[in-house]
Each structure stands twice: as structure tokens, then as C-alpha cells.
C-alpha atoms as a PDB file:
ATOM      1  CA  MET A   1      93.904  -5.758 142.911  1.00  0.00           C
ATOM      2  CA  ARG A   2      94.849  -5.870 139.234  1.00  0.00           C
ATOM      3  CA  THR A   3      95.643  -2.152 139.163  1.00  0.00           C
ATOM      4  CA  ARG A   4      97.492  -1.876 142.474  1.00  0.00           C
ATOM      5  CA  HIS A   5      98.926  -5.360 143.078  1.00  0.00           C
ATOM      6  CA  PRO A   6      99.476  -7.245 139.808  1.00  0.00           C
ATOM      7  CA  GLU A   7     102.149  -9.304 141.565  1.00  0.00           C
ATOM      8  CA  ALA A   8      99.315 -10.943 143.516  1.00  0.00           C
ATOM      9  CA  VAL A   9      98.681 -13.324 140.615  1.00  0.00           C
ATOM     10  CA  ALA A  10     102.157 -14.880 140.797  1.00  0.00           C
ATOM     11  CA  GLU A  11     101.972 -14.910 144.601  1.00  0.00           C
ATOM     12  CA  ALA A  12      98.647 -16.764 144.507  1.00  0.00           C
ATOM     13  CA  ALA A  13     100.091 -19.264 142.030  1.00  0.00           C
ATOM     14  CA  SER A  14     103.098 -19.917 144.279  1.00  0.00           C
ATOM     15  CA  ARG A  15     100.834 -20.564 147.289  1.00  0.00           C
ATOM     16  CA  ARG A  16      98.340 -22.758 145.472  1.00  0.00           C
ATOM     17  CA  GLY A  17      97.884 -26.264 146.800  1.00  0.00           C
ATOM     18  CA  ARG A  18      98.555 -28.836 144.089  1.00  0.00           C
ATOM     19  CA  ARG A  19      97.401 -32.402 143.516  1.00  0.00           C
ATOM     20  CA  ALA A  20      98.087 -35.306 141.184  1.00  0.00           C
ATOM     21  CA  LEU A  21      96.552 -35.169 137.721  1.00  0.00           C
ATOM     22  CA  LEU A  22      94.430 -38.244 138.456  1.00  0.00           C
ATOM     23  CA  GLY A  23      92.891 -38.557 141.907  1.00  0.00           C
ATOM     24  CA  ASP A  24      91.820 -41.659 143.792  1.00  0.00           C
ATOM     25  CA  SER A  25      88.990 -42.345 141.345  1.00  0.00           C
ATOM     26  CA  GLY A  26      91.413 -42.645 138.439  1.00  0.00           C
ATOM     27  CA  ARG A  27      89.063 -40.406 136.446  1.00  0.00           C
ATOM     28  CA  LEU A  28      89.294 -36.801 135.342  1.00  0.00           C
ATOM     29  CA  MET A  29      86.505 -34.191 135.252  1.00  0.00           C
ATOM     30  CA  ILE A  30      87.669 -30.840 133.860  1.00  0.00           C
ATOM     31  CA  VAL A  31      85.524 -27.785 133.137  1.00  0.00           C
ATOM     32  CA  ALA A  32      86.633 -25.900 130.006  1.00  0.00           C
ATOM     33  CA  ALA A  33      86.402 -22.134 129.550  1.00  0.00           C
ATOM     34  CA  ASP A  34      89.018 -21.218 126.941  1.00  0.00           C
ATOM     35  CA  HIS A  35      86.562 -20.263 124.184  1.00  0.00           C
ATOM     36  CA  PRO A  36      86.481 -16.432 124.625  1.00  0.00           C
ATOM     37  CA  ALA A  37      90.160 -15.906 123.762  1.00  0.00           C
ATOM     38  CA  ARG A  38      89.502 -17.300 120.283  1.00  0.00           C
ATOM     39  CA  GLY A  39      86.558 -14.943 119.847  1.00  0.00           C
ATOM     40  CA  ALA A  40      84.131 -17.855 120.237  1.00  0.00           C
ATOM     41  CA  LEU A  41      81.594 -16.299 122.609  1.00  0.00           C
ATOM     42  CA  ALA A  42      78.408 -17.996 121.413  1.00  0.00           C
ATOM     43  CA  VAL A  43      76.450 -20.647 123.252  1.00  0.00           C
ATOM     44  CA  GLY A  44      73.586 -22.115 121.252  1.00  0.00           C
ATOM     45  CA  ASP A  45      71.566 -19.217 119.823  1.00  0.00           C
ATOM     46  CA  ARG A  46      73.129 -16.639 122.174  1.00  0.00           C
ATOM     47  CA  PRO A  47      75.996 -14.998 120.237  1.00  0.00           C
ATOM     48  CA  LEU A  48      77.625 -13.251 123.226  1.00  0.00           C
ATOM     49  CA  ALA A  49      76.725 -15.619 126.062  1.00  0.00           C
ATOM     50  CA  MET A  50      80.333 -15.974 127.267  1.00  0.00           C
ATOM     51  CA  ALA A  51      81.160 -12.263 126.968  1.00  0.00           C
ATOM     52  CA  ASN A  52      80.106 -11.333 130.513  1.00  0.00           C
ATOM     53  CA  ARG A  53      83.233 -12.161 132.506  1.00  0.00           C
ATOM     54  CA  LEU A  54      81.715 -11.831 135.981  1.00  0.00           C
ATOM     55  CA  ASP A  55      78.888 -14.155 134.977  1.00  0.00           C
ATOM     56  CA  LEU A  56      81.384 -16.656 133.526  1.00  0.00           C
ATOM     57  CA  LEU A  57      83.511 -16.527 136.688  1.00  0.00           C
ATOM     58  CA  GLU A  58      80.453 -17.147 138.870  1.00  0.00           C
ATOM     59  CA  ARG A  59      79.553 -20.170 136.762  1.00  0.00           C
ATOM     60  CA  LEU A  60      83.134 -21.459 136.922  1.00  0.00           C
ATOM     61  CA  CYS A  61      83.397 -21.024 140.685  1.00  0.00           C
ATOM     62  CA  LEU A  62      80.106 -22.874 141.141  1.00  0.00           C
ATOM     63  CA  ALA A  63      81.240 -25.702 138.843  1.00  0.00           C
ATOM     64  CA  LEU A  64      84.623 -25.996 140.603  1.00  0.00           C
ATOM     65  CA  SER A  65      82.897 -26.194 143.983  1.00  0.00           C
ATOM     66  CA  ARG A  66      80.875 -29.287 143.054  1.00  0.00           C
ATOM     67  CA  PRO A  67      82.077 -32.680 144.339  1.00  0.00           C
ATOM     68  CA  GLY A  68      84.004 -34.683 141.779  1.00  0.00           C
ATOM     69  CA  VAL A  69      85.171 -31.751 139.658  1.00  0.00           C
ATOM     70  CA  ASP A  70      88.932 -32.052 139.315  1.00  0.00           C
ATOM     71  CA  GLY A  71      89.874 -28.781 137.672  1.00  0.00           C
ATOM     72  CA  VAL A  72      89.628 -26.246 134.886  1.00  0.00           C
ATOM     73  CA  LEU A  73      90.952 -25.539 131.398  1.00  0.00           C
ATOM     74  CA  ALA A  74      91.264 -21.841 130.535  1.00  0.00           C
ATOM     75  CA  THR A  75      93.457 -19.040 129.223  1.00  0.00           C
ATOM     76  CA  ALA A  76      95.704 -16.883 131.384  1.00  0.00           C
ATOM     77  CA  ASP A  77      93.197 -14.071 131.983  1.00  0.00           C
ATOM     78  CA  ILE A  78      90.571 -16.445 133.391  1.00  0.00           C
ATOM     79  CA  LEU A  79      93.073 -18.509 135.387  1.00  0.00           C
ATOM     80  CA  ASP A  80      94.529 -15.293 136.858  1.00  0.00           C
ATOM     81  CA  ASP A  81      91.048 -14.295 138.019  1.00  0.00           C
ATOM     82  CA  LEU A  82      90.433 -17.734 139.511  1.00  0.00           C
ATOM     83  CA  LEU A  83      93.793 -17.621 141.292  1.00  0.00           C
ATOM     84  CA  LEU A  84      92.907 -14.266 142.841  1.00  0.00           C
ATOM     85  CA  LEU A  85      89.521 -15.666 143.887  1.00  0.00           C
ATOM     86  CA  GLY A  86      91.181 -18.668 145.553  1.00  0.00           C
ATOM     87  CA  ALA A  87      89.149 -21.067 143.400  1.00  0.00           C
ATOM     88  CA  LEU A  88      92.061 -23.241 142.222  1.00  0.00           C
ATOM     89  CA  GLU A  89      93.209 -24.800 145.480  1.00  0.00           C
ATOM     90  CA  ASP A  90      93.928 -28.512 145.063  1.00  0.00           C
ATOM     91  CA  LYS A  91      92.555 -28.407 141.534  1.00  0.00           C
ATOM     92  CA  VAL A  92      94.072 -29.522 138.235  1.00  0.00           C
ATOM     93  CA  VAL A  93      94.928 -26.338 136.320  1.00  0.00           C
ATOM     94  CA  MET A  94      95.255 -26.720 132.570  1.00  0.00           C
ATOM     95  CA  GLY A  95      96.476 -23.804 130.448  1.00  0.00           C
ATOM     96  CA  SER A  96      95.143 -23.251 126.929  1.00  0.00           C
ATOM     97  CA  MET A  97      98.103 -22.768 124.581  1.00  0.00           C
ATOM     98  CA  ASN A  98      97.016 -21.861 121.028  1.00  0.00           C
ATOM     99  CA  ARG A  99      94.209 -19.351 120.588  1.00  0.00           C
ATOM    100  CA  GLY A 100      95.440 -17.537 117.466  1.00  0.00           C
ATOM    101  CA  GLY A 101      92.999 -19.266 115.121  1.00  0.00           C
ATOM    102  CA  LEU A 102      90.244 -16.732 115.713  1.00  0.00           C
ATOM    103  CA  ALA A 103      86.718 -17.874 114.947  1.00  0.00           C
ATOM    104  CA  GLY A 104      85.703 -16.713 111.471  1.00  0.00           C
ATOM    105  CA  ALA A 105      89.127 -15.336 110.506  1.00  0.00           C
ATOM    106  CA  ALA A 106      90.791 -16.029 107.145  1.00  0.00           C
ATOM    107  CA  PHE A 107      93.784 -17.313 109.164  1.00  0.00           C
ATOM    108  CA  GLU A 108      91.690 -19.497 111.477  1.00  0.00           C
ATOM    109  CA  LEU A 109      93.548 -22.709 110.605  1.00  0.00           C
ATOM    110  CA  ASP A 110      96.972 -21.109 111.094  1.00  0.00           C
ATOM    111  CA  ASP A 111      96.381 -21.507 114.813  1.00  0.00           C
ATOM    112  CA  ARG A 112      99.335 -19.714 116.381  1.00  0.00           C
ATOM    113  CA  PHE A 113     100.337 -20.345 119.993  1.00  0.00           C
ATOM    114  CA  THR A 114      99.246 -17.078 121.549  1.00  0.00           C
ATOM    115  CA  GLY A 115      98.362 -18.446 125.003  1.00  0.00           C
ATOM    116  CA  HIS A 116     100.406 -20.220 127.653  1.00  0.00           C
ATOM    117  CA  ARG A 117     103.909 -21.345 126.715  1.00  0.00           C
ATOM    118  CA  PRO A 118     105.382 -24.470 128.321  1.00  0.00           C
ATOM    119  CA  GLU A 119     107.683 -22.286 130.406  1.00  0.00           C
ATOM    120  CA  ASP A 120     104.693 -20.273 131.672  1.00  0.00           C
ATOM    121  CA  LEU A 121     102.894 -23.416 132.835  1.00  0.00           C
ATOM    122  CA  ALA A 122     106.040 -24.639 134.617  1.00  0.00           C
ATOM    123  CA  ARG A 123     106.728 -21.246 136.221  1.00  0.00           C
ATOM    124  CA  LEU A 124     103.180 -20.906 137.551  1.00  0.00           C
ATOM    125  CA  GLY A 125     103.075 -24.463 138.855  1.00  0.00           C
ATOM    126  CA  PHE A 126     100.175 -25.428 136.615  1.00  0.00           C
ATOM    127  CA  ASP A 127      99.505 -29.072 135.882  1.00  0.00           C
ATOM    128  CA  ALA A 128      98.960 -29.488 132.133  1.00  0.00           C
ATOM    129  CA  GLY A 129      98.455 -27.736 128.824  1.00  0.00           C
ATOM    130  CA  LYS A 130      95.994 -28.108 125.984  1.00  0.00           C
ATOM    131  CA  LEU A 131      96.337 -27.416 122.268  1.00  0.00           C
ATOM    132  CA  LEU A 132      93.849 -27.426 119.406  1.00  0.00           C
ATOM    133  CA  LEU A 133      94.920 -29.163 116.205  1.00  0.00           C
ATOM    134  CA  ARG A 134      92.601 -28.587 113.262  1.00  0.00           C
ATOM    135  CA  ILE A 135      93.862 -29.957 109.941  1.00  0.00           C
ATOM    136  CA  ASP A 136      92.437 -28.884 106.590  1.00  0.00           C
ATOM    137  CA  HIS A 137      94.207 -30.580 103.679  1.00  0.00           C
ATOM    138  CA  SER A 138      93.402 -27.597 101.455  1.00  0.00           C
ATOM    139  CA  ASP A 139      94.647 -24.861 103.828  1.00  0.00           C
ATOM    140  CA  PRO A 140      98.431 -24.290 104.086  1.00  0.00           C
ATOM    141  CA  GLY A 141      97.924 -22.719 107.507  1.00  0.00           C
ATOM    142  CA  SER A 142      97.285 -26.169 108.942  1.00  0.00           C
ATOM    143  CA  LEU A 143     100.911 -27.125 108.332  1.00  0.00           C
ATOM    144  CA  THR A 144     102.121 -24.243 110.496  1.00  0.00           C
ATOM    145  CA  THR A 145      99.795 -25.372 113.273  1.00  0.00           C
ATOM    146  CA  LEU A 146     100.913 -28.992 112.887  1.00  0.00           C
ATOM    147  CA  ALA A 147     104.634 -28.185 113.041  1.00  0.00           C
ATOM    148  CA  THR A 148     104.273 -25.792 115.964  1.00  0.00           C
ATOM    149  CA  ALA A 149     102.131 -28.297 117.844  1.00  0.00           C
ATOM    150  CA  ALA A 150     104.819 -30.951 117.486  1.00  0.00           C
ATOM    151  CA  ARG A 151     107.525 -28.706 118.939  1.00  0.00           C
ATOM    152  CA  THR A 152     105.203 -27.627 121.756  1.00  0.00           C
ATOM    153  CA  ILE A 153     104.585 -31.263 122.695  1.00  0.00           C
ATOM    154  CA  ASP A 154     108.373 -31.736 122.787  1.00  0.00           C
ATOM    155  CA  ALA A 155     108.754 -28.737 125.088  1.00  0.00           C
ATOM    156  CA  MET A 156     106.013 -29.986 127.411  1.00  0.00           C
ATOM    157  CA  ALA A 157     107.582 -33.440 127.575  1.00  0.00           C
ATOM    158  CA  GLU A 158     110.944 -31.910 128.498  1.00  0.00           C
ATOM    159  CA  ARG A 159     109.196 -30.404 131.539  1.00  0.00           C
ATOM    160  CA  ARG A 160     107.254 -33.634 132.229  1.00  0.00           C
ATOM    161  CA  LEU A 161     103.985 -31.770 131.819  1.00  0.00           C
ATOM    162  CA  PRO A 162     100.998 -33.522 130.235  1.00  0.00           C
ATOM    163  CA  VAL A 163      99.614 -31.911 127.089  1.00  0.00           C
ATOM    164  CA  PHE A 164      96.069 -32.580 125.888  1.00  0.00           C
ATOM    165  CA  VAL A 165      95.838 -32.488 122.087  1.00  0.00           C
ATOM    166  CA  GLU A 166      92.410 -31.859 120.539  1.00  0.00           C
ATOM    167  CA  PRO A 167      92.626 -32.983 116.882  1.00  0.00           C
ATOM    168  CA  PHE A 168      90.106 -32.587 114.065  1.00  0.00           C
ATOM    169  CA  LEU A 169      89.991 -32.932 110.329  1.00  0.00           C
ATOM    170  CA  SER A 170      88.372 -29.673 109.268  1.00  0.00           C
ATOM    171  CA  HIS A 171      87.182 -27.913 106.129  1.00  0.00           C
ATOM    172  CA  ARG A 172      85.919 -24.481 105.199  1.00  0.00           C
ATOM    173  CA  ASP A 173      82.274 -24.478 104.158  1.00  0.00           C
ATOM    174  CA  PRO A 174      82.066 -22.858 100.690  1.00  0.00           C
ATOM    175  CA  ALA A 175      78.576 -21.549 101.439  1.00  0.00           C
ATOM    176  CA  ASP A 176      79.425 -19.356 104.434  1.00  0.00           C
ATOM    177  CA  GLY A 177      83.226 -19.618 104.775  1.00  0.00           C
ATOM    178  CA  ARG A 178      83.021 -21.100 108.282  1.00  0.00           C
ATOM    179  CA  VAL A 179      85.457 -23.772 109.429  1.00  0.00           C
ATOM    180  CA  ARG A 180      83.629 -26.974 110.315  1.00  0.00           C
ATOM    181  CA  ASN A 181      85.028 -30.091 111.976  1.00  0.00           C
ATOM    182  CA  ASP A 182      84.346 -33.480 110.423  1.00  0.00           C
ATOM    183  CA  LEU A 183      83.005 -35.712 113.208  1.00  0.00           C
ATOM    184  CA  SER A 184      82.508 -38.822 111.078  1.00  0.00           C
ATOM    185  CA  PRO A 185      84.172 -41.959 112.505  1.00  0.00           C
ATOM    186  CA  ASP A 186      86.734 -42.160 109.697  1.00  0.00           C
ATOM    187  CA  ALA A 187      87.722 -38.494 110.101  1.00  0.00           C
ATOM    188  CA  VAL A 188      88.058 -38.765 113.892  1.00  0.00           C
ATOM    189  CA  THR A 189      90.108 -41.954 113.473  1.00  0.00           C
ATOM    190  CA  THR A 190      92.477 -40.217 111.040  1.00  0.00           C
ATOM    191  CA  SER A 191      92.869 -37.164 113.270  1.00  0.00           C
ATOM    192  CA  LEU A 192      93.778 -39.345 116.276  1.00  0.00           C
ATOM    193  CA  ALA A 193      96.378 -41.232 114.240  1.00  0.00           C
ATOM    194  CA  ILE A 194      97.995 -37.955 113.161  1.00  0.00           C
ATOM    195  CA  ALA A 195      97.980 -36.425 116.644  1.00  0.00           C
ATOM    196  CA  SER A 196      99.383 -39.550 118.286  1.00  0.00           C
ATOM    197  CA  GLY A 197     102.497 -39.474 116.106  1.00  0.00           C
ATOM    198  CA  LEU A 198     103.496 -35.859 116.708  1.00  0.00           C
ATOM    199  CA  ALA A 199     106.787 -34.854 118.368  1.00  0.00           C
ATOM    200  CA  GLY A 200     109.776 -36.838 119.590  1.00  0.00           C
ATOM    201  CA  THR A 201     107.858 -38.639 122.325  1.00  0.00           C
ATOM    202  CA  SER A 202     104.236 -39.345 123.142  1.00  0.00           C
ATOM    203  CA  ALA A 203     104.958 -40.110 126.795  1.00  0.00           C
ATOM    204  CA  TYR A 204     103.129 -37.007 128.080  1.00  0.00           C
ATOM    205  CA  THR A 205     100.504 -36.716 125.331  1.00  0.00           C
ATOM    206  CA  TRP A 206      96.802 -37.114 126.039  1.00  0.00           C
ATOM    207  CA  LEU A 207      94.039 -36.827 123.447  1.00  0.00           C
ATOM    208  CA  LYS A 208      90.871 -34.747 123.727  1.00  0.00           C
ATOM    209  CA  VAL A 209      88.333 -36.545 121.574  1.00  0.00           C
ATOM    210  CA  PRO A 210      84.831 -35.791 120.239  1.00  0.00           C
ATOM    211  CA  VAL A 211      82.198 -38.475 120.719  1.00  0.00           C
ATOM    212  CA  THR A 212      80.725 -40.043 117.595  1.00  0.00           C
ATOM    213  CA  ASP A 213      76.971 -40.600 117.359  1.00  0.00           C
ATOM    214  CA  ASP A 214      77.157 -44.389 117.248  1.00  0.00           C
ATOM    215  CA  PRO A 215      78.770 -46.112 120.301  1.00  0.00           C
ATOM    216  CA  ASP A 216      80.049 -48.917 118.088  1.00  0.00           C
ATOM    217  CA  ASP A 217      81.825 -46.369 115.907  1.00  0.00           C
ATOM    218  CA  MET A 218      83.383 -44.790 118.999  1.00  0.00           C
ATOM    219  CA  ALA A 219      84.826 -48.125 120.105  1.00  0.00           C
ATOM    220  CA  ARG A 220      86.443 -48.557 116.697  1.00  0.00           C
ATOM    221  CA  VAL A 221      87.749 -44.975 116.694  1.00  0.00           C
ATOM    222  CA  MET A 222      89.470 -45.432 120.059  1.00  0.00           C
ATOM    223  CA  GLU A 223      91.285 -48.535 118.816  1.00  0.00           C
ATOM    224  CA  THR A 224      93.479 -46.123 116.797  1.00  0.00           C
ATOM    225  CA  THR A 225      95.791 -45.250 119.688  1.00  0.00           C
ATOM    226  CA  THR A 226      96.983 -46.384 123.110  1.00  0.00           C
ATOM    227  CA  LEU A 227      97.281 -42.803 124.382  1.00  0.00           C
ATOM    228  CA  PRO A 228      94.999 -41.850 127.275  1.00  0.00           C
ATOM    229  CA  ALA A 229      92.004 -39.777 126.215  1.00  0.00           C
ATOM    230  CA  VAL A 230      89.302 -37.523 127.569  1.00  0.00           C
ATOM    231  CA  LEU A 231      86.002 -36.724 125.893  1.00  0.00           C
ATOM    232  CA  LEU A 232      85.080 -33.199 124.854  1.00  0.00           C
ATOM    233  CA  GLY A 233      81.587 -31.839 125.250  1.00  0.00           C
ATOM    234  CA  GLY A 234      80.909 -29.475 122.363  1.00  0.00           C
ATOM    235  CA  ASP A 235      78.171 -26.855 122.141  1.00  0.00           C
ATOM    236  CA  VAL A 236      74.866 -26.837 123.954  1.00  0.00           C
ATOM    237  CA  GLY A 237      72.320 -29.001 122.143  1.00  0.00           C
ATOM    238  CA  PRO A 238      68.555 -29.305 122.481  1.00  0.00           C
ATOM    239  CA  ASP A 239      68.806 -32.908 123.724  1.00  0.00           C
ATOM    240  CA  GLN A 240      71.489 -32.952 126.407  1.00  0.00           C
ATOM    241  CA  ASP A 241      70.239 -36.275 127.787  1.00  0.00           C
ATOM    242  CA  THR A 242      71.301 -37.961 124.553  1.00  0.00           C
ATOM    243  CA  ALA A 243      74.743 -36.394 124.865  1.00  0.00           C
ATOM    244  CA  TYR A 244      75.059 -37.742 128.406  1.00  0.00           C
ATOM    245  CA  GLU A 245      74.230 -41.258 127.211  1.00  0.00           C
ATOM    246  CA  ARG A 246      76.851 -41.025 124.455  1.00  0.00           C
ATOM    247  CA  TRP A 247      79.441 -39.912 127.030  1.00  0.00           C
ATOM    248  CA  ARG A 248      78.416 -42.745 129.351  1.00  0.00           C
ATOM    249  CA  ALA A 249      78.968 -45.366 126.641  1.00  0.00           C
ATOM    250  CA  ALA A 250      82.315 -43.895 125.540  1.00  0.00           C
ATOM    251  CA  LEU A 251      83.576 -43.712 129.138  1.00  0.00           C
ATOM    252  CA  ARG A 252      83.484 -47.518 129.277  1.00  0.00           C
ATOM    253  CA  LEU A 253      86.259 -47.743 126.657  1.00  0.00           C
ATOM    254  CA  PRO A 254      89.650 -48.718 128.109  1.00  0.00           C
ATOM    255  CA  THR A 255      91.711 -45.656 127.163  1.00  0.00           C
ATOM    256  CA  VAL A 256      89.032 -43.058 127.980  1.00  0.00           C
ATOM    257  CA  GLN A 257      89.868 -41.476 131.333  1.00  0.00           C
ATOM    258  CA  GLY A 258      87.341 -38.686 131.752  1.00  0.00           C
ATOM    259  CA  LEU A 259      85.608 -35.565 130.475  1.00  0.00           C
ATOM    260  CA  VAL A 260      86.683 -32.045 129.540  1.00  0.00           C
ATOM    261  CA  VAL A 261      83.433 -30.152 129.028  1.00  0.00           C
ATOM    262  CA  GLY A 262      82.681 -26.449 128.848  1.00  0.00           C
ATOM    263  CA  ARG A 263      79.654 -24.729 127.420  1.00  0.00           C
ATOM    264  CA  SER A 264      77.178 -27.572 127.869  1.00  0.00           C
ATOM    265  CA  LEU A 265      77.887 -27.581 131.620  1.00  0.00           C
ATOM    266  CA  LEU A 266      78.459 -23.866 132.209  1.00  0.00           C
ATOM    267  CA  TYR A 267      75.477 -22.755 130.100  1.00  0.00           C
ATOM    268  CA  PRO A 268      72.935 -25.605 130.216  1.00  0.00           C
ATOM    269  CA  ALA A 269      69.612 -25.057 128.511  1.00  0.00           C
ATOM    270  CA  ASP A 270      67.737 -25.020 131.841  1.00  0.00           C
ATOM    271  CA  GLY A 271      70.277 -22.703 133.494  1.00  0.00           C
ATOM    272  CA  ASP A 272      71.091 -25.104 136.347  1.00  0.00           C
ATOM    273  CA  VAL A 273      74.894 -25.279 136.315  1.00  0.00           C
ATOM    274  CA  ALA A 274      75.170 -27.364 139.476  1.00  0.00           C
ATOM    275  CA  ALA A 275      72.764 -30.009 138.203  1.00  0.00           C
ATOM    276  CA  ALA A 276      74.496 -30.233 134.824  1.00  0.00           C
ATOM    277  CA  VAL A 277      77.919 -30.630 136.471  1.00  0.00           C
ATOM    278  CA  ASP A 278      76.646 -33.202 138.960  1.00  0.00           C
ATOM    279  CA  THR A 279      75.099 -35.250 136.144  1.00  0.00           C
ATOM    280  CA  ALA A 280      78.375 -35.242 134.218  1.00  0.00           C
ATOM    281  CA  VAL A 281      80.348 -36.248 137.338  1.00  0.00           C
ATOM    282  CA  ALA A 282      77.959 -39.125 137.945  1.00  0.00           C
ATOM    283  CA  LEU A 283      78.808 -40.535 134.509  1.00  0.00           C
ATOM    284  CA  LEU A 284      82.378 -41.129 135.703  1.00  0.00           C
END
């Protein structure tokens, strides 16, 4: 189909049944799969776990078929595949916008917007966008990302499209050169304050927030902003039950509206995607 009928992607997008961002439950459960476009293919100790596209698509289709799953966050190549497979009917479709900060690159924190543009999301009839905002006070590339993010939020607001901003305070580890996100309560609080104030309006801005280890800390962190928020999942850990309990506690906070989780649901340690997704849905 891709070789003979590339127009089928746009045709499938035009036919796609749409829905409101929030359904009757008032909660949001989104499965994330935008990691490969940034060269981040690892899951746990498997360095190329997300590299097999057919396997990833099977996992995504299974996750999207489970009751209570509202939609998907991904880059254009994956969303095009899912459109052609008919897997996005009546789902929330969220396009990933900046993937230029390749994992391990010297320019990782100069995270250029190489994915969906606001006009692409509007043209395809998608429902929202997402951008990653990592800020390292010692890396000038962060300023480029910050400024571009602000103008992208403006452009999304002009089209009345929600944009989910995922902010972190980050630093480059001198030992191995890797960029690491600071998940301490004070750092998460500061990152939310910065992200909330970007652009000429915050009317269409949502926040995508990591969960701190201590529930009391998370309650204090979320007092930083009145913007609606969703929780992110992070990598697969050895104790997923603990992660579920942390999500459950954070979901009780007044501005937290749902979950956007990827690898820990698509590649659970026991391999049971359906069970992992169903457990996450039950937390809502």
C-alpha cells in the first residue's frame, strides 16, 4: 500500500471517526510509542526492543483494543501505519512534535521540532500534540528548545489544539556523557513552573509529569500549576507494582487527569501487554 497508494494515508485520516479529548469518564488513558524516532529503542536491558516495527504495531493494536484505552501518542510513521490498519477509529490521536534531540547525541538538548507541525495535526484531523522540554542550565541548546516550544504552543493554541508539554530539568552526566532527568521534587516543581508560563496563552496547554517517589512530594509538586496534567510512565522497572501504586496515589490529585504510558505497558516484564494495560486502566 505504501509503494502503490501512498495517498491512502491521507484518505484514512479523512475518514477516521473522531471523539472528544476526554470521554464520559473524564479521564485520559494514552499509550505512548514515540521513542524510536529519537533513537531511543531500549526497554530495560534490551537495547533494540522497540526496533521491530511489526512487533511494536502488534503491541499497539492490542493495547488500543483494550477497554478504557483512549488513544495513542506517536510519530507520523507509526500513526500512518495505524491509520492504514484502521486502529485509530474513535481514538484520541496525539502527534509527537520534537524528536531532534537524538538519544546520546552532542546536540540532544537542542531538541528541534522534526516531527508533526501544528498545521500537520490540523490537516490530518488529529486531536493533540506533544512536545518534550528538557532544560539544562549549562547547555545553550536548551534555549533553542525553550524558544521553539513557546512558539509551537502559540501555533497550537491558534488552532485550538491541545498540546501536552513534558518538562524536565536535565544535566549531562560527566562520567558517561548521557543526559539524565532530575526527578527530585524541587526539580520537577521548577520544570512545571517554567513550562506553565510558556507562550502567549496557556489555554490549550497540558502538562505531562513524572511521578515522584513520595506521594506527599507529588501533592506539593502539583500545587505549582492549575494546568491539567497527565502522568508519564517511564522505563520498565523490576517492581512495576510499586509504580502502579505511585500512579494510583497521584491520580487522586485534583489537576491530574490521566496517564500517558509507553514502554512499561507495551513491553511489560512478564510479556502480558493486555494485563499491563488493563491494570493501568483500572487505576483511573
